[in-house]
């Protein structure tokens, strides 16, 4: 049975980070599901400037990817784009970002209520991230389903993050089989992105000739 949305907790925020190359409706649906279930006041979409584990895979520039995020979240007062990783030099480490959000809340005199939204696929890689213990010290992690990847159970969390099991929460979420890699491939062969990305994002991709296949020389 589907539960009603949780009451909104003033000052609560979640970070949803990614390359967003491009951002798509799956990202937005997952963020909204987390917002409802956790009672979040704000979800920040944090565009990674130089993701250390995916440097070779980024197709569009940071400026283009962030512009698409801005277009995708426009009109939703519970969503906002964040430039925090674009404006910080060096690789984009999630630990640095969540600590910055926690420090900002403390400086404003608020008890930090910070979350990180990740997919089950992303969580599986988290033990190998840069200093993941700093992430769990600064925020809680909300895990949304991903087709083909099980949600974490108590044994997995105890094995990888002993003593921090209560910092990771599994959520219900839409299982939308959309990937940015597939979307880029569709654009490269001239196929439509309609209903897969927001209309404004599709228009931006077309207007800026993103992801088109370079003709053979």
Protein backbone atom coordinates (compact mmCIF):
# COMPACT_ATOMS: atom_id res chain seq x y z
CA UNK A 1 0.00 0.00 0.00
CA UNK A 2 1.37 3.39 -0.98
CA UNK A 3 1.84 5.73 1.97
CA UNK A 4 0.81 9.39 2.03
CA UNK A 5 3.56 12.02 1.75
CA UNK A 6 5.45 12.73 4.96
CA UNK A 7 5.00 16.16 6.56
CA UNK A 8 7.58 18.65 5.32
CA UNK A 9 10.39 19.29 7.80
CA UNK A 10 11.47 22.95 7.61
CA UNK A 11 15.14 23.32 6.78
CA UNK A 12 15.54 19.79 5.46
CA UNK A 13 17.40 19.34 2.20
CA UNK A 14 18.74 16.56 0.06
CA UNK A 15 21.53 16.56 -2.44
CA UNK A 16 21.15 14.63 -5.67
CA UNK A 17 24.46 14.69 -7.48
CA UNK A 18 25.47 13.49 -10.89
CA UNK A 19 26.96 14.34 -14.22
CA UNK A 20 23.43 14.91 -15.61
CA UNK A 21 24.69 14.23 -19.12
CA UNK A 22 21.81 14.84 -19.77
CA UNK A 23 19.37 15.11 -16.86
CA UNK A 24 16.20 13.11 -17.58
CA UNK A 25 12.75 12.37 -16.21
CA UNK A 26 14.08 9.44 -14.19
CA UNK A 27 16.26 11.79 -12.15
CA UNK A 28 13.30 14.07 -11.51
CA UNK A 29 10.88 11.28 -10.58
CA UNK A 30 13.36 9.75 -8.14
CA UNK A 31 14.04 13.11 -6.50
CA UNK A 32 10.32 13.79 -6.11
CA UNK A 33 9.70 10.34 -4.61
CA UNK A 34 12.44 10.98 -2.05
CA UNK A 35 11.06 14.45 -1.33
CA UNK A 36 7.60 13.04 -0.55
CA UNK A 37 8.74 10.07 1.51
CA UNK A 38 11.26 12.01 3.61
CA UNK A 39 9.31 15.25 3.95
CA UNK A 40 12.09 17.28 2.38
CA UNK A 41 11.78 21.02 1.97
CA UNK A 42 14.34 21.22 -0.82
CA UNK A 43 16.18 18.91 -3.22
CA UNK A 44 19.38 20.32 -4.68
CA UNK A 45 20.57 18.97 -8.02
CA UNK A 46 24.36 19.19 -7.84
CA UNK A 47 26.10 19.03 -11.20
CA UNK A 48 29.49 17.33 -10.93
CA UNK A 49 32.23 19.35 -12.60
CA UNK A 50 34.92 16.68 -12.77
CA UNK A 51 33.61 13.39 -11.37
CA UNK A 52 36.84 11.57 -10.42
CA UNK A 53 35.49 8.11 -11.38
CA UNK A 54 34.02 9.18 -14.75
CA UNK A 55 36.34 11.76 -16.28
CA UNK A 56 36.48 9.96 -19.63
CA UNK A 57 32.71 9.43 -19.86
CA UNK A 58 31.46 13.03 -19.71
CA UNK A 59 30.23 14.12 -23.15
CA UNK A 60 28.85 17.65 -22.61
CA UNK A 61 30.62 20.54 -20.91
CA UNK A 62 29.94 21.39 -17.29
CA UNK A 63 28.26 24.62 -18.43
CA UNK A 64 25.89 22.76 -20.76
CA UNK A 65 25.07 20.07 -18.20
CA UNK A 66 24.29 22.65 -15.52
CA UNK A 67 22.19 24.71 -17.96
CA UNK A 68 20.09 21.61 -18.63
CA UNK A 69 19.64 21.05 -14.90
CA UNK A 70 18.45 24.63 -14.48
CA UNK A 71 15.89 24.13 -17.24
CA UNK A 72 14.74 20.78 -15.86
CA UNK A 73 13.99 22.03 -12.34
CA UNK A 74 12.54 25.42 -13.29
CA UNK A 75 9.04 25.91 -11.96
CA UNK A 76 9.31 23.44 -9.07
CA UNK A 77 9.86 25.36 -5.82
CA UNK A 78 11.04 22.17 -4.08
CA UNK A 79 13.87 21.67 -6.61
CA UNK A 80 16.90 23.88 -7.18
CA UNK A 81 20.15 23.65 -9.13
CA UNK A 82 23.46 23.93 -7.25
CA UNK A 83 26.81 25.12 -8.61
CA UNK A 84 28.76 24.13 -5.51
CA UNK A 85 30.90 21.54 -7.31
CA UNK A 86 31.26 23.63 -10.45
CA UNK A 87 32.64 26.56 -8.50
CA UNK A 88 35.03 24.47 -6.39
CA UNK A 89 38.39 23.63 -8.01
CA UNK A 90 39.56 20.06 -8.42
CA UNK A 91 37.65 16.77 -8.61
CA UNK A 92 34.08 16.61 -7.28
CA UNK A 93 34.13 14.63 -4.03
CA UNK A 94 30.72 14.03 -2.48
CA UNK A 95 32.19 14.12 1.03
CA UNK A 96 33.30 17.74 0.55
CA UNK A 97 29.87 18.72 -0.76
CA UNK A 98 27.74 17.22 2.00
CA UNK A 99 30.08 18.65 4.65
CA UNK A 100 29.63 22.09 3.07
CA UNK A 101 25.83 21.78 3.27
CA UNK A 102 26.06 20.68 6.91
CA UNK A 103 28.37 23.59 7.76
CA UNK A 104 25.98 26.01 6.05
CA UNK A 105 23.10 24.82 8.23
CA UNK A 106 25.17 25.12 11.40
CA UNK A 107 26.29 28.64 10.44
CA UNK A 108 22.64 29.61 10.00
CA UNK A 109 21.86 28.34 13.50
CA UNK A 110 19.91 25.29 12.27
CA UNK A 111 20.27 21.67 13.26
CA UNK A 112 21.54 20.03 10.06
CA UNK A 113 18.93 17.86 8.32
CA UNK A 114 20.90 16.82 5.25
CA UNK A 115 20.37 13.84 2.98
CA UNK A 116 22.11 12.34 -0.03
CA UNK A 117 19.87 10.63 -2.59
CA UNK A 118 21.48 7.72 -4.44
CA UNK A 119 20.29 4.74 -6.46
CA UNK A 120 20.86 1.16 -5.30
CA UNK A 121 23.40 0.88 -8.13
CA UNK A 122 25.31 3.90 -6.86
CA UNK A 123 25.22 2.70 -3.24
CA UNK A 124 26.88 -0.56 -4.29
CA UNK A 125 29.90 1.51 -5.37
CA UNK A 126 29.91 3.77 -2.30
CA UNK A 127 32.37 1.69 -0.22
CA UNK A 128 35.01 2.55 -2.83
CA UNK A 129 34.31 6.27 -2.86
CA UNK A 130 36.65 8.91 -1.48
CA UNK A 131 36.25 8.80 2.34
CA UNK A 132 32.64 7.53 2.49
CA UNK A 133 32.73 7.61 6.29
CA UNK A 134 32.79 11.42 6.06
CA UNK A 135 29.61 11.30 4.00
CA UNK A 136 27.75 9.23 6.59
CA UNK A 137 28.99 11.49 9.39
CA UNK A 138 27.66 14.60 7.63
CA UNK A 139 24.36 13.33 6.25
CA UNK A 140 21.98 10.42 5.91
CA UNK A 141 21.70 8.46 2.68
CA UNK A 142 18.37 7.73 0.98
CA UNK A 143 18.57 4.79 -1.41
CA UNK A 144 16.06 4.47 -4.25
CA UNK A 145 15.52 1.30 -6.29
CA UNK A 146 17.36 0.60 -9.52
CA UNK A 147 16.31 -2.26 -11.76
CA UNK A 148 18.76 -5.14 -11.43
CA UNK A 149 20.29 -3.90 -8.16
CA UNK A 150 18.94 -5.05 -4.77
CA UNK A 151 18.29 -2.52 -2.05
CA UNK A 152 20.80 -2.85 0.80
CA UNK A 153 19.98 -5.25 3.60
CA UNK A 154 21.21 -5.17 7.19
CA UNK A 155 24.05 -7.59 6.48
CA UNK A 156 25.40 -5.49 3.59
CA UNK A 157 25.32 -2.30 5.64
CA UNK A 158 26.94 -3.93 8.67
CA UNK A 159 29.70 -5.35 6.47
CA UNK A 160 30.54 -2.11 4.68
CA UNK A 161 29.52 0.58 7.20
CA UNK A 162 29.55 -0.98 10.67
CA UNK A 163 28.02 1.29 13.29
CA UNK A 164 26.50 3.51 10.61
CA UNK A 165 23.62 1.28 9.53
CA UNK A 166 21.02 3.75 10.77
CA UNK A 167 22.42 6.42 8.42
CA UNK A 168 21.19 4.55 5.31
CA UNK A 169 17.47 4.36 4.53
CA UNK A 170 15.81 2.48 1.66
CA UNK A 171 12.90 4.18 -0.11
CA UNK A 172 10.19 3.19 -2.52
CA UNK A 173 10.66 4.72 -5.93
CA UNK A 174 9.70 4.53 -9.57
CA UNK A 175 11.63 1.99 -11.61
CA UNK A 176 12.22 4.02 -14.75
CA UNK A 177 14.70 2.32 -17.05
CA UNK A 178 16.22 5.49 -18.48
CA UNK A 179 19.95 6.10 -18.70
CA UNK A 180 21.87 9.15 -19.87
CA UNK A 181 24.11 6.87 -21.93
CA UNK A 182 21.10 5.56 -23.84
CA UNK A 183 19.78 9.08 -24.37
CA UNK A 184 23.07 10.26 -25.84
CA UNK A 185 23.03 7.26 -28.19
CA UNK A 186 19.50 8.16 -29.31
CA UNK A 187 20.53 11.72 -30.14
CA UNK A 188 23.58 10.47 -32.03
CA UNK A 189 21.37 8.58 -34.50
CA UNK A 190 18.68 11.24 -34.71
CA UNK A 191 16.02 9.67 -32.48
CA UNK A 192 13.60 11.65 -30.33
CA UNK A 193 14.00 12.36 -26.61
CA UNK A 194 10.32 13.23 -26.20
CA UNK A 195 8.89 12.06 -22.85
CA UNK A 196 12.39 10.99 -21.74
CA UNK A 197 13.70 14.44 -20.85
CA UNK A 198 11.81 17.66 -20.11
CA UNK A 199 10.85 19.53 -23.28
CA UNK A 200 13.13 22.46 -22.43
CA UNK A 201 16.07 20.08 -22.06
CA UNK A 202 15.33 18.42 -25.38
CA UNK A 203 15.20 21.84 -27.02
CA UNK A 204 18.52 22.84 -25.43
CA UNK A 205 20.18 19.66 -26.69
CA UNK A 206 18.91 20.34 -30.21
CA UNK A 207 19.75 24.05 -30.19
CA UNK A 208 23.32 23.41 -28.96
CA UNK A 209 23.90 20.35 -31.15
CA UNK A 210 24.83 18.22 -28.14
CA UNK A 211 25.58 14.50 -28.45
CA UNK A 212 25.44 14.45 -32.24
CA UNK A 213 27.68 11.95 -33.97
CA UNK A 214 30.67 13.59 -35.64
CA UNK A 215 30.71 12.76 -39.34
CA UNK A 216 33.63 10.59 -40.42
CA UNK A 217 36.45 12.58 -41.95
